[in-house]
């Protein structure tokens, strides 16, 4: 009737935003895994993402609900939740605007040479006009984008790309679920046939067994020379060794990555210094509105939990 909420994240200001709402339910906030392990037993509801460990339910006899701070839920072992009778809900949709805009920004950044222009600025180098087409800025209008994943993020991204007069091909698990505004939509099995038409491939799909290493050597090799890859999905959707080979060969003109296989990216990774790679540190969904977007879902799910109704974005339970 009066559950205690634990907000667990290294940076997100969920506690402050909950206080701004009048703190309608009691809460506490932790910033590290040792803190979370020490206090998880006090929580009826846990709001978490990167600090989650599948051993935590053993320490949490009161825990009834985990509201993920992330849209992706691949880090949560469904069997553990089922065994302990804990419900799991995702934040799907809470970052649809943020991630779709970030993916577009990365594509524009590569296409318009904004990243290299920033490097030139720091070097106080005026590059001037460019005779070489291979290094000159380009336009997106009239080009073909392949969007892998056409859920709430992908659907919004498709609309943004269409506003730039691109031809958009959507790839989704179930093509019969709709086009989301794309010019055409296909299943995952059609990806090898679609990729040779792509000027840009934008990944915004969840990580599943079907999408793990989806962009491997064979699929990257199917791209037309000079294509661009944008990954705002999960690092493991792309096979990194094959990605580096495709960049070195010129098959890919650039890769813009918000996610990597290992995060934080190790200091020795060749991705850091590759001249055709542009990185952001898994911040596509991180905006000034994000905490409130998730807290809106949390409040609705708490209301539904009390009423015995199905929860928003329910994954387990």
C-alpha atoms as a PDB file:
ATOM      1  CA  UNK A   1       0.000   0.000   0.000  1.00  0.00           C
ATOM      2  CA  UNK A   2       2.961   2.333   0.691  1.00  0.00           C
ATOM      3  CA  UNK A   3       5.980   0.823  -1.071  1.00  0.00           C
ATOM      4  CA  UNK A   4       9.533   2.072  -0.651  1.00  0.00           C
ATOM      5  CA  UNK A   5      11.323   2.897  -3.899  1.00  0.00           C
ATOM      6  CA  UNK A   6      15.043   2.557  -4.486  1.00  0.00           C
ATOM      7  CA  UNK A   7      16.536   4.649  -7.288  1.00  0.00           C
ATOM      8  CA  UNK A   8      19.856   3.109  -8.357  1.00  0.00           C
ATOM      9  CA  UNK A   9      22.015   4.840 -10.943  1.00  0.00           C
ATOM     10  CA  UNK A  10      25.499   6.320 -11.025  1.00  0.00           C
ATOM     11  CA  UNK A  11      24.357   9.633 -12.531  1.00  0.00           C
ATOM     12  CA  UNK A  12      20.614   9.983 -13.157  1.00  0.00           C
ATOM     13  CA  UNK A  13      18.837  12.411 -10.822  1.00  0.00           C
ATOM     14  CA  UNK A  14      15.739  10.335 -10.169  1.00  0.00           C
ATOM     15  CA  UNK A  15      15.640  11.202  -6.480  1.00  0.00           C
ATOM     16  CA  UNK A  16      15.702  14.940  -7.146  1.00  0.00           C
ATOM     17  CA  UNK A  17      13.019  14.649  -9.812  1.00  0.00           C
ATOM     18  CA  UNK A  18      10.897  12.475  -7.466  1.00  0.00           C
ATOM     19  CA  UNK A  19      11.264  15.148  -4.794  1.00  0.00           C
ATOM     20  CA  UNK A  20      10.125  17.749  -7.329  1.00  0.00           C
ATOM     21  CA  UNK A  21       6.909  15.735  -7.671  1.00  0.00           C
ATOM     22  CA  UNK A  22       6.385  15.943  -3.925  1.00  0.00           C
ATOM     23  CA  UNK A  23       7.908  12.499  -3.268  1.00  0.00           C
ATOM     24  CA  UNK A  24       4.505  10.766  -3.356  1.00  0.00           C
ATOM     25  CA  UNK A  25       6.065   7.590  -1.945  1.00  0.00           C
ATOM     26  CA  UNK A  26       9.074   7.025   0.343  1.00  0.00           C
ATOM     27  CA  UNK A  27      12.372   6.492  -1.451  1.00  0.00           C
ATOM     28  CA  UNK A  28      16.123   6.303  -1.135  1.00  0.00           C
ATOM     29  CA  UNK A  29      18.843   6.616  -3.751  1.00  0.00           C
ATOM     30  CA  UNK A  30      22.118   4.737  -4.259  1.00  0.00           C
ATOM     31  CA  UNK A  31      24.995   5.460  -6.619  1.00  0.00           C
ATOM     32  CA  UNK A  32      27.090   2.281  -6.568  1.00  0.00           C
ATOM     33  CA  UNK A  33      26.712  -1.485  -6.633  1.00  0.00           C
ATOM     34  CA  UNK A  34      27.989  -1.959  -3.052  1.00  0.00           C
ATOM     35  CA  UNK A  35      25.394   0.573  -1.825  1.00  0.00           C
ATOM     36  CA  UNK A  36      22.676  -1.188  -3.798  1.00  0.00           C
ATOM     37  CA  UNK A  37      23.674  -4.611  -2.477  1.00  0.00           C
ATOM     38  CA  UNK A  38      23.676  -3.265   1.081  1.00  0.00           C
ATOM     39  CA  UNK A  39      20.226  -1.649   0.896  1.00  0.00           C
ATOM     40  CA  UNK A  40      18.249  -3.645  -1.691  1.00  0.00           C
ATOM     41  CA  UNK A  41      16.491  -5.484   1.130  1.00  0.00           C
ATOM     42  CA  UNK A  42      14.684  -2.243   2.052  1.00  0.00           C
ATOM     43  CA  UNK A  43      13.094  -1.807  -1.370  1.00  0.00           C
ATOM     44  CA  UNK A  44       9.686  -2.860  -2.628  1.00  0.00           C
ATOM     45  CA  UNK A  45      10.345  -1.183  -5.993  1.00  0.00           C
ATOM     46  CA  UNK A  46      13.693  -0.786  -7.737  1.00  0.00           C
ATOM     47  CA  UNK A  47      14.386   1.705 -10.530  1.00  0.00           C
ATOM     48  CA  UNK A  48      17.672   0.651 -12.124  1.00  0.00           C
ATOM     49  CA  UNK A  49      19.631  -0.129 -15.266  1.00  0.00           C
ATOM     50  CA  UNK A  50      23.429  -0.473 -15.332  1.00  0.00           C
ATOM     51  CA  UNK A  51      23.765  -1.335 -11.629  1.00  0.00           C
ATOM     52  CA  UNK A  52      21.470  -4.357 -11.981  1.00  0.00           C
ATOM     53  CA  UNK A  53      22.899  -7.789 -11.177  1.00  0.00           C
ATOM     54  CA  UNK A  54      20.872 -10.979 -11.468  1.00  0.00           C
ATOM     55  CA  UNK A  55      21.993 -11.992  -7.955  1.00  0.00           C
ATOM     56  CA  UNK A  56      20.199  -9.022  -6.341  1.00  0.00           C
ATOM     57  CA  UNK A  57      16.804 -10.765  -5.820  1.00  0.00           C
ATOM     58  CA  UNK A  58      18.513 -13.138  -3.358  1.00  0.00           C
ATOM     59  CA  UNK A  59      19.020 -10.094  -1.108  1.00  0.00           C
ATOM     60  CA  UNK A  60      15.588  -8.552  -1.724  1.00  0.00           C
ATOM     61  CA  UNK A  61      12.722 -10.421  -0.044  1.00  0.00           C
ATOM     62  CA  UNK A  62      10.362  -7.413  -0.339  1.00  0.00           C
ATOM     63  CA  UNK A  63      11.045  -6.597  -3.986  1.00  0.00           C
ATOM     64  CA  UNK A  64       7.896  -6.683  -6.139  1.00  0.00           C
ATOM     65  CA  UNK A  65       8.725  -4.523  -9.157  1.00  0.00           C
ATOM     66  CA  UNK A  66      11.798  -3.524 -11.134  1.00  0.00           C
ATOM     67  CA  UNK A  67      11.254  -0.522 -13.388  1.00  0.00           C
ATOM     68  CA  UNK A  68      14.155  -0.492 -15.807  1.00  0.00           C
ATOM     69  CA  UNK A  69      15.656   2.884 -16.602  1.00  0.00           C
ATOM     70  CA  UNK A  70      16.600   1.524 -20.023  1.00  0.00           C
ATOM     71  CA  UNK A  71      14.447   0.562 -22.969  1.00  0.00           C
ATOM     72  CA  UNK A  72      16.595  -2.527 -23.531  1.00  0.00           C
ATOM     73  CA  UNK A  73      16.232  -5.364 -21.027  1.00  0.00           C
ATOM     74  CA  UNK A  74      18.862  -7.844 -22.197  1.00  0.00           C
ATOM     75  CA  UNK A  75      20.741  -7.478 -18.860  1.00  0.00           C
ATOM     76  CA  UNK A  76      17.840  -8.954 -16.869  1.00  0.00           C
ATOM     77  CA  UNK A  77      17.515 -12.744 -16.482  1.00  0.00           C
ATOM     78  CA  UNK A  78      13.792 -13.439 -16.979  1.00  0.00           C
ATOM     79  CA  UNK A  79      14.007 -16.763 -15.171  1.00  0.00           C
ATOM     80  CA  UNK A  80      15.341 -15.062 -12.031  1.00  0.00           C
ATOM     81  CA  UNK A  81      12.381 -12.661 -12.033  1.00  0.00           C
ATOM     82  CA  UNK A  82       9.885 -15.459 -12.545  1.00  0.00           C
ATOM     83  CA  UNK A  83      11.457 -17.544  -9.793  1.00  0.00           C
ATOM     84  CA  UNK A  84      11.256 -14.702  -7.267  1.00  0.00           C
ATOM     85  CA  UNK A  85       7.839 -13.446  -8.375  1.00  0.00           C
ATOM     86  CA  UNK A  86       9.188 -10.010  -9.337  1.00  0.00           C
ATOM     87  CA  UNK A  87       7.631  -7.992 -12.139  1.00  0.00           C
ATOM     88  CA  UNK A  88       9.907  -6.315 -14.696  1.00  0.00           C
ATOM     89  CA  UNK A  89       8.950  -3.354 -16.861  1.00  0.00           C
ATOM     90  CA  UNK A  90      11.063  -1.516 -19.411  1.00  0.00           C
ATOM     91  CA  UNK A  91      11.367   2.174 -20.257  1.00  0.00           C
ATOM     92  CA  UNK A  92      10.523   1.523 -23.901  1.00  0.00           C
ATOM     93  CA  UNK A  93       9.311   4.711 -25.521  1.00  0.00           C
ATOM     94  CA  UNK A  94      10.798   6.978 -22.883  1.00  0.00           C
ATOM     95  CA  UNK A  95      13.818   7.662 -25.047  1.00  0.00           C
ATOM     96  CA  UNK A  96      12.175   7.479 -28.483  1.00  0.00           C
ATOM     97  CA  UNK A  97      12.658  11.176 -29.190  1.00  0.00           C
ATOM     98  CA  UNK A  98      16.165  11.265 -27.747  1.00  0.00           C
ATOM     99  CA  UNK A  99      17.601   8.212 -29.511  1.00  0.00           C
ATOM    100  CA  UNK A 100      15.985   8.903 -32.874  1.00  0.00           C
ATOM    101  CA  UNK A 101      17.321  12.471 -32.797  1.00  0.00           C
ATOM    102  CA  UNK A 102      20.766  11.250 -31.750  1.00  0.00           C
ATOM    103  CA  UNK A 103      20.903   8.709 -34.580  1.00  0.00           C
ATOM    104  CA  UNK A 104      19.953  11.423 -37.059  1.00  0.00           C
ATOM    105  CA  UNK A 105      22.514  13.802 -35.543  1.00  0.00           C
ATOM    106  CA  UNK A 106      25.243  11.191 -35.972  1.00  0.00           C
ATOM    107  CA  UNK A 107      24.243  10.592 -39.575  1.00  0.00           C
ATOM    108  CA  UNK A 108      24.228  14.326 -40.287  1.00  0.00           C
ATOM    109  CA  UNK A 109      27.515  14.743 -38.450  1.00  0.00           C
ATOM    110  CA  UNK A 110      29.206  12.217 -40.709  1.00  0.00           C
ATOM    111  CA  UNK A 111      27.509  13.371 -43.904  1.00  0.00           C
ATOM    112  CA  UNK A 112      28.320  17.045 -43.300  1.00  0.00           C
ATOM    113  CA  UNK A 113      31.848  16.341 -41.916  1.00  0.00           C
ATOM    114  CA  UNK A 114      30.911  18.050 -38.646  1.00  0.00           C
ATOM    115  CA  UNK A 115      33.093  15.736 -36.577  1.00  0.00           C
ATOM    116  CA  UNK A 116      36.191  16.339 -38.675  1.00  0.00           C
ATOM    117  CA  UNK A 117      35.423  20.064 -38.761  1.00  0.00           C
ATOM    118  CA  UNK A 118      35.474  20.050 -34.946  1.00  0.00           C
ATOM    119  CA  UNK A 119      38.876  18.321 -35.024  1.00  0.00           C
ATOM    120  CA  UNK A 120      40.114  20.944 -37.492  1.00  0.00           C
ATOM    121  CA  UNK A 121      38.865  23.689 -35.197  1.00  0.00           C
ATOM    122  CA  UNK A 122      40.886  22.306 -32.299  1.00  0.00           C
ATOM    123  CA  UNK A 123      43.949  22.187 -34.574  1.00  0.00           C
ATOM    124  CA  UNK A 124      43.248  25.736 -35.808  1.00  0.00           C
ATOM    125  CA  UNK A 125      43.192  24.287 -39.324  1.00  0.00           C
ATOM    126  CA  UNK A 126      41.083  25.896 -42.066  1.00  0.00           C
ATOM    127  CA  UNK A 127      40.427  23.069 -44.526  1.00  0.00           C
ATOM    128  CA  UNK A 128      38.969  25.274 -47.247  1.00  0.00           C
ATOM    129  CA  UNK A 129      37.156  24.133 -50.373  1.00  0.00           C
ATOM    130  CA  UNK A 130      37.515  20.502 -51.396  1.00  0.00           C
ATOM    131  CA  UNK A 131      38.046  19.310 -54.966  1.00  0.00           C
ATOM    132  CA  UNK A 132      38.027  15.629 -53.980  1.00  0.00           C
ATOM    133  CA  UNK A 133      34.466  14.236 -53.965  1.00  0.00           C
ATOM    134  CA  UNK A 134      35.546  11.496 -51.554  1.00  0.00           C
ATOM    135  CA  UNK A 135      36.180  13.985 -48.738  1.00  0.00           C
ATOM    136  CA  UNK A 136      33.587  16.625 -49.586  1.00  0.00           C
ATOM    137  CA  UNK A 137      30.384  17.075 -47.540  1.00  0.00           C
ATOM    138  CA  UNK A 138      27.330  15.294 -48.928  1.00  0.00           C
ATOM    139  CA  UNK A 139      23.519  15.563 -48.969  1.00  0.00           C
ATOM    140  CA  UNK A 140      20.994  13.060 -47.602  1.00  0.00           C
ATOM    141  CA  UNK A 141      18.059  13.958 -49.870  1.00  0.00           C
ATOM    142  CA  UNK A 142      17.494  11.228 -52.441  1.00  0.00           C
ATOM    143  CA  UNK A 143      19.690   8.679 -50.669  1.00  0.00           C
ATOM    144  CA  UNK A 144      18.490   5.373 -49.199  1.00  0.00           C
ATOM    145  CA  UNK A 145      18.507   4.675 -45.471  1.00  0.00           C
ATOM    146  CA  UNK A 146      17.933   1.222 -43.994  1.00  0.00           C
ATOM    147  CA  UNK A 147      16.529   1.414 -40.458  1.00  0.00           C
ATOM    148  CA  UNK A 148      16.908  -1.841 -38.518  1.00  0.00           C
ATOM    149  CA  UNK A 149      14.271  -1.867 -35.791  1.00  0.00           C
ATOM    150  CA  UNK A 150      11.019  -0.015 -36.392  1.00  0.00           C
ATOM    151  CA  UNK A 151       9.567   0.202 -32.893  1.00  0.00           C
ATOM    152  CA  UNK A 152       8.949   3.517 -31.179  1.00  0.00           C
ATOM    153  CA  UNK A 153      12.523   4.732 -31.717  1.00  0.00           C
ATOM    154  CA  UNK A 154      12.763   3.405 -35.262  1.00  0.00           C
ATOM    155  CA  UNK A 155       9.326   4.681 -36.225  1.00  0.00           C
ATOM    156  CA  UNK A 156      10.221   8.210 -35.159  1.00  0.00           C
ATOM    157  CA  UNK A 157      13.613   7.962 -36.870  1.00  0.00           C
ATOM    158  CA  UNK A 158      11.893   6.935 -40.094  1.00  0.00           C
ATOM    159  CA  UNK A 159       9.708  10.042 -39.954  1.00  0.00           C
ATOM    160  CA  UNK A 160      12.765  12.250 -39.397  1.00  0.00           C
ATOM    161  CA  UNK A 161      14.600  10.691 -42.334  1.00  0.00           C
ATOM    162  CA  UNK A 162      11.558  11.057 -44.584  1.00  0.00           C
ATOM    163  CA  UNK A 163      11.437  14.754 -43.679  1.00  0.00           C
ATOM    164  CA  UNK A 164      14.919  14.979 -45.201  1.00  0.00           C
ATOM    165  CA  UNK A 165      13.559  13.432 -48.424  1.00  0.00           C
ATOM    166  CA  UNK A 166      15.379  10.135 -48.014  1.00  0.00           C
ATOM    167  CA  UNK A 167      14.059   6.812 -49.248  1.00  0.00           C
ATOM    168  CA  UNK A 168      13.675   4.636 -46.157  1.00  0.00           C
ATOM    169  CA  UNK A 169      13.604   0.857 -45.930  1.00  0.00           C
ATOM    170  CA  UNK A 170      12.525  -0.577 -42.581  1.00  0.00           C
ATOM    171  CA  UNK A 171      13.667  -3.920 -41.181  1.00  0.00           C
ATOM    172  CA  UNK A 172      11.591  -5.482 -38.411  1.00  0.00           C
ATOM    173  CA  UNK A 173      10.924  -8.918 -36.972  1.00  0.00           C
ATOM    174  CA  UNK A 174       7.305  -8.899 -38.136  1.00  0.00           C
ATOM    175  CA  UNK A 175       6.828  -6.920 -41.383  1.00  0.00           C
ATOM    176  CA  UNK A 176       3.055  -7.330 -41.127  1.00  0.00           C
ATOM    177  CA  UNK A 177       3.077  -5.044 -38.049  1.00  0.00           C
ATOM    178  CA  UNK A 178       3.252  -1.968 -40.308  1.00  0.00           C
ATOM    179  CA  UNK A 179       5.651   0.267 -42.173  1.00  0.00           C
ATOM    180  CA  UNK A 180       5.865   3.149 -39.631  1.00  0.00           C
ATOM    181  CA  UNK A 181       6.035   5.500 -42.606  1.00  0.00           C
ATOM    182  CA  UNK A 182       8.875   3.736 -44.419  1.00  0.00           C
ATOM    183  CA  UNK A 183       8.731   3.359 -48.182  1.00  0.00           C
ATOM    184  CA  UNK A 184       8.984  -0.398 -47.692  1.00  0.00           C
ATOM    185  CA  UNK A 185       9.483  -2.809 -44.816  1.00  0.00           C
ATOM    186  CA  UNK A 186      10.997  -6.299 -44.692  1.00  0.00           C
ATOM    187  CA  UNK A 187      11.853  -9.000 -42.192  1.00  0.00           C
ATOM    188  CA  UNK A 188      15.329  -9.665 -40.820  1.00  0.00           C
ATOM    189  CA  UNK A 189      15.840 -12.479 -43.299  1.00  0.00           C
ATOM    190  CA  UNK A 190      15.671  -9.978 -46.173  1.00  0.00           C
ATOM    191  CA  UNK A 191      18.509  -7.824 -44.804  1.00  0.00           C
ATOM    192  CA  UNK A 192      21.239  -9.260 -47.087  1.00  0.00           C
ATOM    193  CA  UNK A 193      19.122  -8.404 -50.142  1.00  0.00           C
ATOM    194  CA  UNK A 194      18.354  -4.885 -48.885  1.00  0.00           C
ATOM    195  CA  UNK A 195      21.850  -3.843 -47.779  1.00  0.00           C
ATOM    196  CA  UNK A 196      23.353  -3.345 -51.272  1.00  0.00           C
ATOM    197  CA  UNK A 197      20.892  -0.466 -51.782  1.00  0.00           C
ATOM    198  CA  UNK A 198      21.804   1.313 -48.549  1.00  0.00           C
ATOM    199  CA  UNK A 199      23.692   4.580 -48.443  1.00  0.00           C
ATOM    200  CA  UNK A 200      23.262   4.484 -44.653  1.00  0.00           C
ATOM    201  CA  UNK A 201      22.293   1.753 -42.188  1.00  0.00           C
ATOM    202  CA  UNK A 202      20.906   2.898 -38.839  1.00  0.00           C
ATOM    203  CA  UNK A 203      20.623   0.312 -36.064  1.00  0.00           C
ATOM    204  CA  UNK A 204      17.975   0.977 -33.381  1.00  0.00           C
ATOM    205  CA  UNK A 205      16.865  -2.595 -32.675  1.00  0.00           C
ATOM    206  CA  UNK A 206      16.867  -4.467 -29.354  1.00  0.00           C
ATOM    207  CA  UNK A 207      19.613  -6.990 -28.635  1.00  0.00           C
ATOM    208  CA  UNK A 208      18.166 -10.484 -29.064  1.00  0.00           C
ATOM    209  CA  UNK A 209      19.628 -13.815 -30.174  1.00  0.00           C
ATOM    210  CA  UNK A 210      18.529 -12.893 -33.720  1.00  0.00           C
ATOM    211  CA  UNK A 211      20.248  -9.488 -33.689  1.00  0.00           C
ATOM    212  CA  UNK A 212      23.478 -10.471 -31.922  1.00  0.00           C
ATOM    213  CA  UNK A 213      26.294  -9.937 -34.471  1.00  0.00           C
ATOM    214  CA  UNK A 214      23.609  -9.069 -37.018  1.00  0.00           C
ATOM    215  CA  UNK A 215      26.111  -6.866 -38.857  1.00  0.00           C
ATOM    216  CA  UNK A 216      28.834  -9.444 -39.391  1.00  0.00           C
ATOM    217  CA  UNK A 217      31.449  -9.713 -42.143  1.00  0.00           C
ATOM    218  CA  UNK A 218      28.981 -11.100 -44.673  1.00  0.00           C
ATOM    219  CA  UNK A 219      26.352  -8.395 -44.130  1.00  0.00           C
ATOM    220  CA  UNK A 220      28.903  -5.585 -43.949  1.00  0.00           C
ATOM    221  CA  UNK A 221      30.395  -6.963 -47.151  1.00  0.00           C
ATOM    222  CA  UNK A 222      26.995  -6.715 -48.825  1.00  0.00           C
ATOM    223  CA  UNK A 223      26.948  -2.934 -48.438  1.00  0.00           C
ATOM    224  CA  UNK A 224      27.736  -0.680 -51.366  1.00  0.00           C
ATOM    225  CA  UNK A 225      31.193   0.904 -51.125  1.00  0.00           C
ATOM    226  CA  UNK A 226      31.109   4.127 -49.138  1.00  0.00           C
ATOM    227  CA  UNK A 227      28.050   3.333 -47.003  1.00  0.00           C
ATOM    228  CA  UNK A 228      27.656   4.758 -43.486  1.00  0.00           C
ATOM    229  CA  UNK A 229      26.786   2.716 -40.381  1.00  0.00           C
ATOM    230  CA  UNK A 230      25.115   4.288 -37.329  1.00  0.00           C
ATOM    231  CA  UNK A 231      24.675   2.113 -34.231  1.00  0.00           C
ATOM    232  CA  UNK A 232      22.351   3.370 -31.476  1.00  0.00           C
ATOM    233  CA  UNK A 233      21.141  -0.144 -30.609  1.00  0.00           C
ATOM    234  CA  UNK A 234      23.575  -2.312 -28.630  1.00  0.00           C
ATOM    235  CA  UNK A 235      27.265  -2.877 -29.251  1.00  0.00           C
ATOM    236  CA  UNK A 236      26.830  -6.613 -29.763  1.00  0.00           C
ATOM    237  CA  UNK A 237      24.566  -6.037 -32.770  1.00  0.00           C
ATOM    238  CA  UNK A 238      27.781  -5.312 -34.709  1.00  0.00           C
ATOM    239  CA  UNK A 239      30.757  -7.677 -34.906  1.00  0.00           C
ATOM    240  CA  UNK A 240      33.561  -5.220 -34.127  1.00  0.00           C
ATOM    241  CA  UNK A 241      36.371  -7.079 -35.882  1.00  0.00           C
ATOM    242  CA  UNK A 242      34.335  -7.201 -39.082  1.00  0.00           C
ATOM    243  CA  UNK A 243      33.434  -3.529 -38.643  1.00  0.00           C
ATOM    244  CA  UNK A 244      37.079  -2.495 -38.461  1.00  0.00           C
ATOM    245  CA  UNK A 245      37.877  -4.575 -41.533  1.00  0.00           C
ATOM    246  CA  UNK A 246      35.033  -2.954 -43.479  1.00  0.00           C
ATOM    247  CA  UNK A 247      36.276   0.484 -42.486  1.00  0.00           C
ATOM    248  CA  UNK A 248      39.870  -0.311 -43.423  1.00  0.00           C
ATOM    249  CA  UNK A 249      38.816  -1.654 -46.820  1.00  0.00           C
ATOM    250  CA  UNK A 250      36.675   1.400 -47.592  1.00  0.00           C
ATOM    251  CA  UNK A 251      33.489  -0.667 -47.796  1.00  0.00           C
ATOM    252  CA  UNK A 252      32.245   1.621 -45.024  1.00  0.00           C
ATOM    253  CA  UNK A 253      33.095   5.294 -45.354  1.00  0.00           C
ATOM    254  CA  UNK A 254      32.297   5.864 -41.680  1.00  0.00           C
ATOM    255  CA  UNK A 255      30.829   4.300 -38.555  1.00  0.00           C
ATOM    256  CA  UNK A 256      29.082   6.468 -35.954  1.00  0.00           C
ATOM    257  CA  UNK A 257      28.717   4.490 -32.735  1.00  0.00           C
ATOM    258  CA  UNK A 258      26.894   5.310 -29.531  1.00  0.00           C
ATOM    259  CA  UNK A 259      27.322   1.748 -28.240  1.00  0.00           C
ATOM    260  CA  UNK A 260      30.223  -0.711 -28.151  1.00  0.00           C
ATOM    261  CA  UNK A 261      30.648  -4.369 -27.260  1.00  0.00           C
ATOM    262  CA  UNK A 262      32.564  -3.470 -24.102  1.00  0.00           C
ATOM    263  CA  UNK A 263      31.637  -0.333 -22.162  1.00  0.00           C
ATOM    264  CA  UNK A 264      33.371   1.789 -21.092  1.00  0.00           C
ATOM    265  CA  UNK A 265      35.424   1.344 -24.249  1.00  0.00           C
ATOM    266  CA  UNK A 266      38.898   0.030 -23.259  1.00  0.00           C
ATOM    267  CA  UNK A 267      41.744   2.509 -23.720  1.00  0.00           C
ATOM    268  CA  UNK A 268      43.465   0.112 -26.111  1.00  0.00           C
ATOM    269  CA  UNK A 269      40.511  -0.260 -28.491  1.00  0.00           C
ATOM    270  CA  UNK A 270      41.344   0.720 -32.093  1.00  0.00           C
ATOM    271  CA  UNK A 271      37.923   2.368 -32.305  1.00  0.00           C
ATOM    272  CA  UNK A 272      39.235   5.348 -30.318  1.00  0.00           C
ATOM    273  CA  UNK A 273      41.698   6.456 -32.963  1.00  0.00           C
ATOM    274  CA  UNK A 274      40.266   5.102 -36.197  1.00  0.00           C
ATOM    275  CA  UNK A 275      39.916   8.014 -38.652  1.00  0.00           C
ATOM    276  CA  UNK A 276      36.560   6.752 -39.942  1.00  0.00           C
ATOM    277  CA  UNK A 277      34.957   6.125 -36.524  1.00  0.00           C
ATOM    278  CA  UNK A 278      32.955   8.703 -34.545  1.00  0.00           C
ATOM    279  CA  UNK A 279      31.956   7.866 -30.989  1.00  0.00           C
ATOM    280  CA  UNK A 280      29.548   9.012 -28.315  1.00  0.00           C
ATOM    281  CA  UNK A 281      29.633   7.294 -24.875  1.00  0.00           C
ATOM    282  CA  UNK A 282      26.232   5.521 -24.882  1.00  0.00           C
ATOM    283  CA  UNK A 283      24.413   8.809 -24.329  1.00  0.00           C
ATOM    284  CA  UNK A 284      21.810   8.676 -27.110  1.00  0.00           C
ATOM    285  CA  UNK A 285      18.944   8.378 -24.646  1.00  0.00           C
ATOM    286  CA  UNK A 286      20.347  10.767 -22.048  1.00  0.00           C
ATOM    287  CA  UNK A 287      18.506  14.090 -22.086  1.00  0.00           C
ATOM    288  CA  UNK A 288      17.309  16.603 -19.502  1.00  0.00           C
ATOM    289  CA  UNK A 289      13.825  15.087 -19.755  1.00  0.00           C
ATOM    290  CA  UNK A 290      14.775  11.449 -19.385  1.00  0.00           C
ATOM    291  CA  UNK A 291      14.283  10.950 -15.645  1.00  0.00           C
ATOM    292  CA  UNK A 292      10.820  12.492 -15.814  1.00  0.00           C
ATOM    293  CA  UNK A 293       9.891  10.340 -18.797  1.00  0.00           C
ATOM    294  CA  UNK A 294      10.704   7.205 -16.789  1.00  0.00           C
ATOM    295  CA  UNK A 295       9.075   8.503 -13.611  1.00  0.00           C
ATOM    296  CA  UNK A 296       5.858   9.071 -15.558  1.00  0.00           C
ATOM    297  CA  UNK A 297       5.938   5.356 -16.438  1.00  0.00           C
ATOM    298  CA  UNK A 298       6.800   4.403 -12.860  1.00  0.00           C
ATOM    299  CA  UNK A 299       3.850   6.318 -11.415  1.00  0.00           C
ATOM    300  CA  UNK A 300       1.475   4.759 -13.922  1.00  0.00           C
ATOM    301  CA  UNK A 301       2.859   1.292 -13.198  1.00  0.00           C
ATOM    302  CA  UNK A 302       2.511   1.784  -9.449  1.00  0.00           C
ATOM    303  CA  UNK A 303      -1.117   2.796  -9.983  1.00  0.00           C
ATOM    304  CA  UNK A 304      -1.704  -0.252 -12.166  1.00  0.00           C
ATOM    305  CA  UNK A 305       0.069  -2.540  -9.711  1.00  0.00           C
ATOM    306  CA  UNK A 306      -2.238  -1.341  -6.939  1.00  0.00           C
ATOM    307  CA  UNK A 307      -5.274  -1.878  -9.198  1.00  0.00           C
ATOM    308  CA  UNK A 308      -4.136  -5.335 -10.310  1.00  0.00           C
ATOM    309  CA  UNK A 309      -3.923  -4.230 -13.942  1.00  0.00           C
ATOM    310  CA  UNK A 310      -1.333  -5.145 -16.614  1.00  0.00           C
ATOM    311  CA  UNK A 311       1.697  -2.874 -16.443  1.00  0.00           C
ATOM    312  CA  UNK A 312       3.149  -0.583 -19.083  1.00  0.00           C
ATOM    313  CA  UNK A 313       5.995  -2.244 -21.015  1.00  0.00           C
ATOM    314  CA  UNK A 314       5.676  -5.382 -18.898  1.00  0.00           C
ATOM    315  CA  UNK A 315       8.459  -7.845 -19.663  1.00  0.00           C
ATOM    316  CA  UNK A 316       8.055 -10.351 -16.810  1.00  0.00           C
ATOM    317  CA  UNK A 317       5.197 -10.886 -14.383  1.00  0.00           C
END
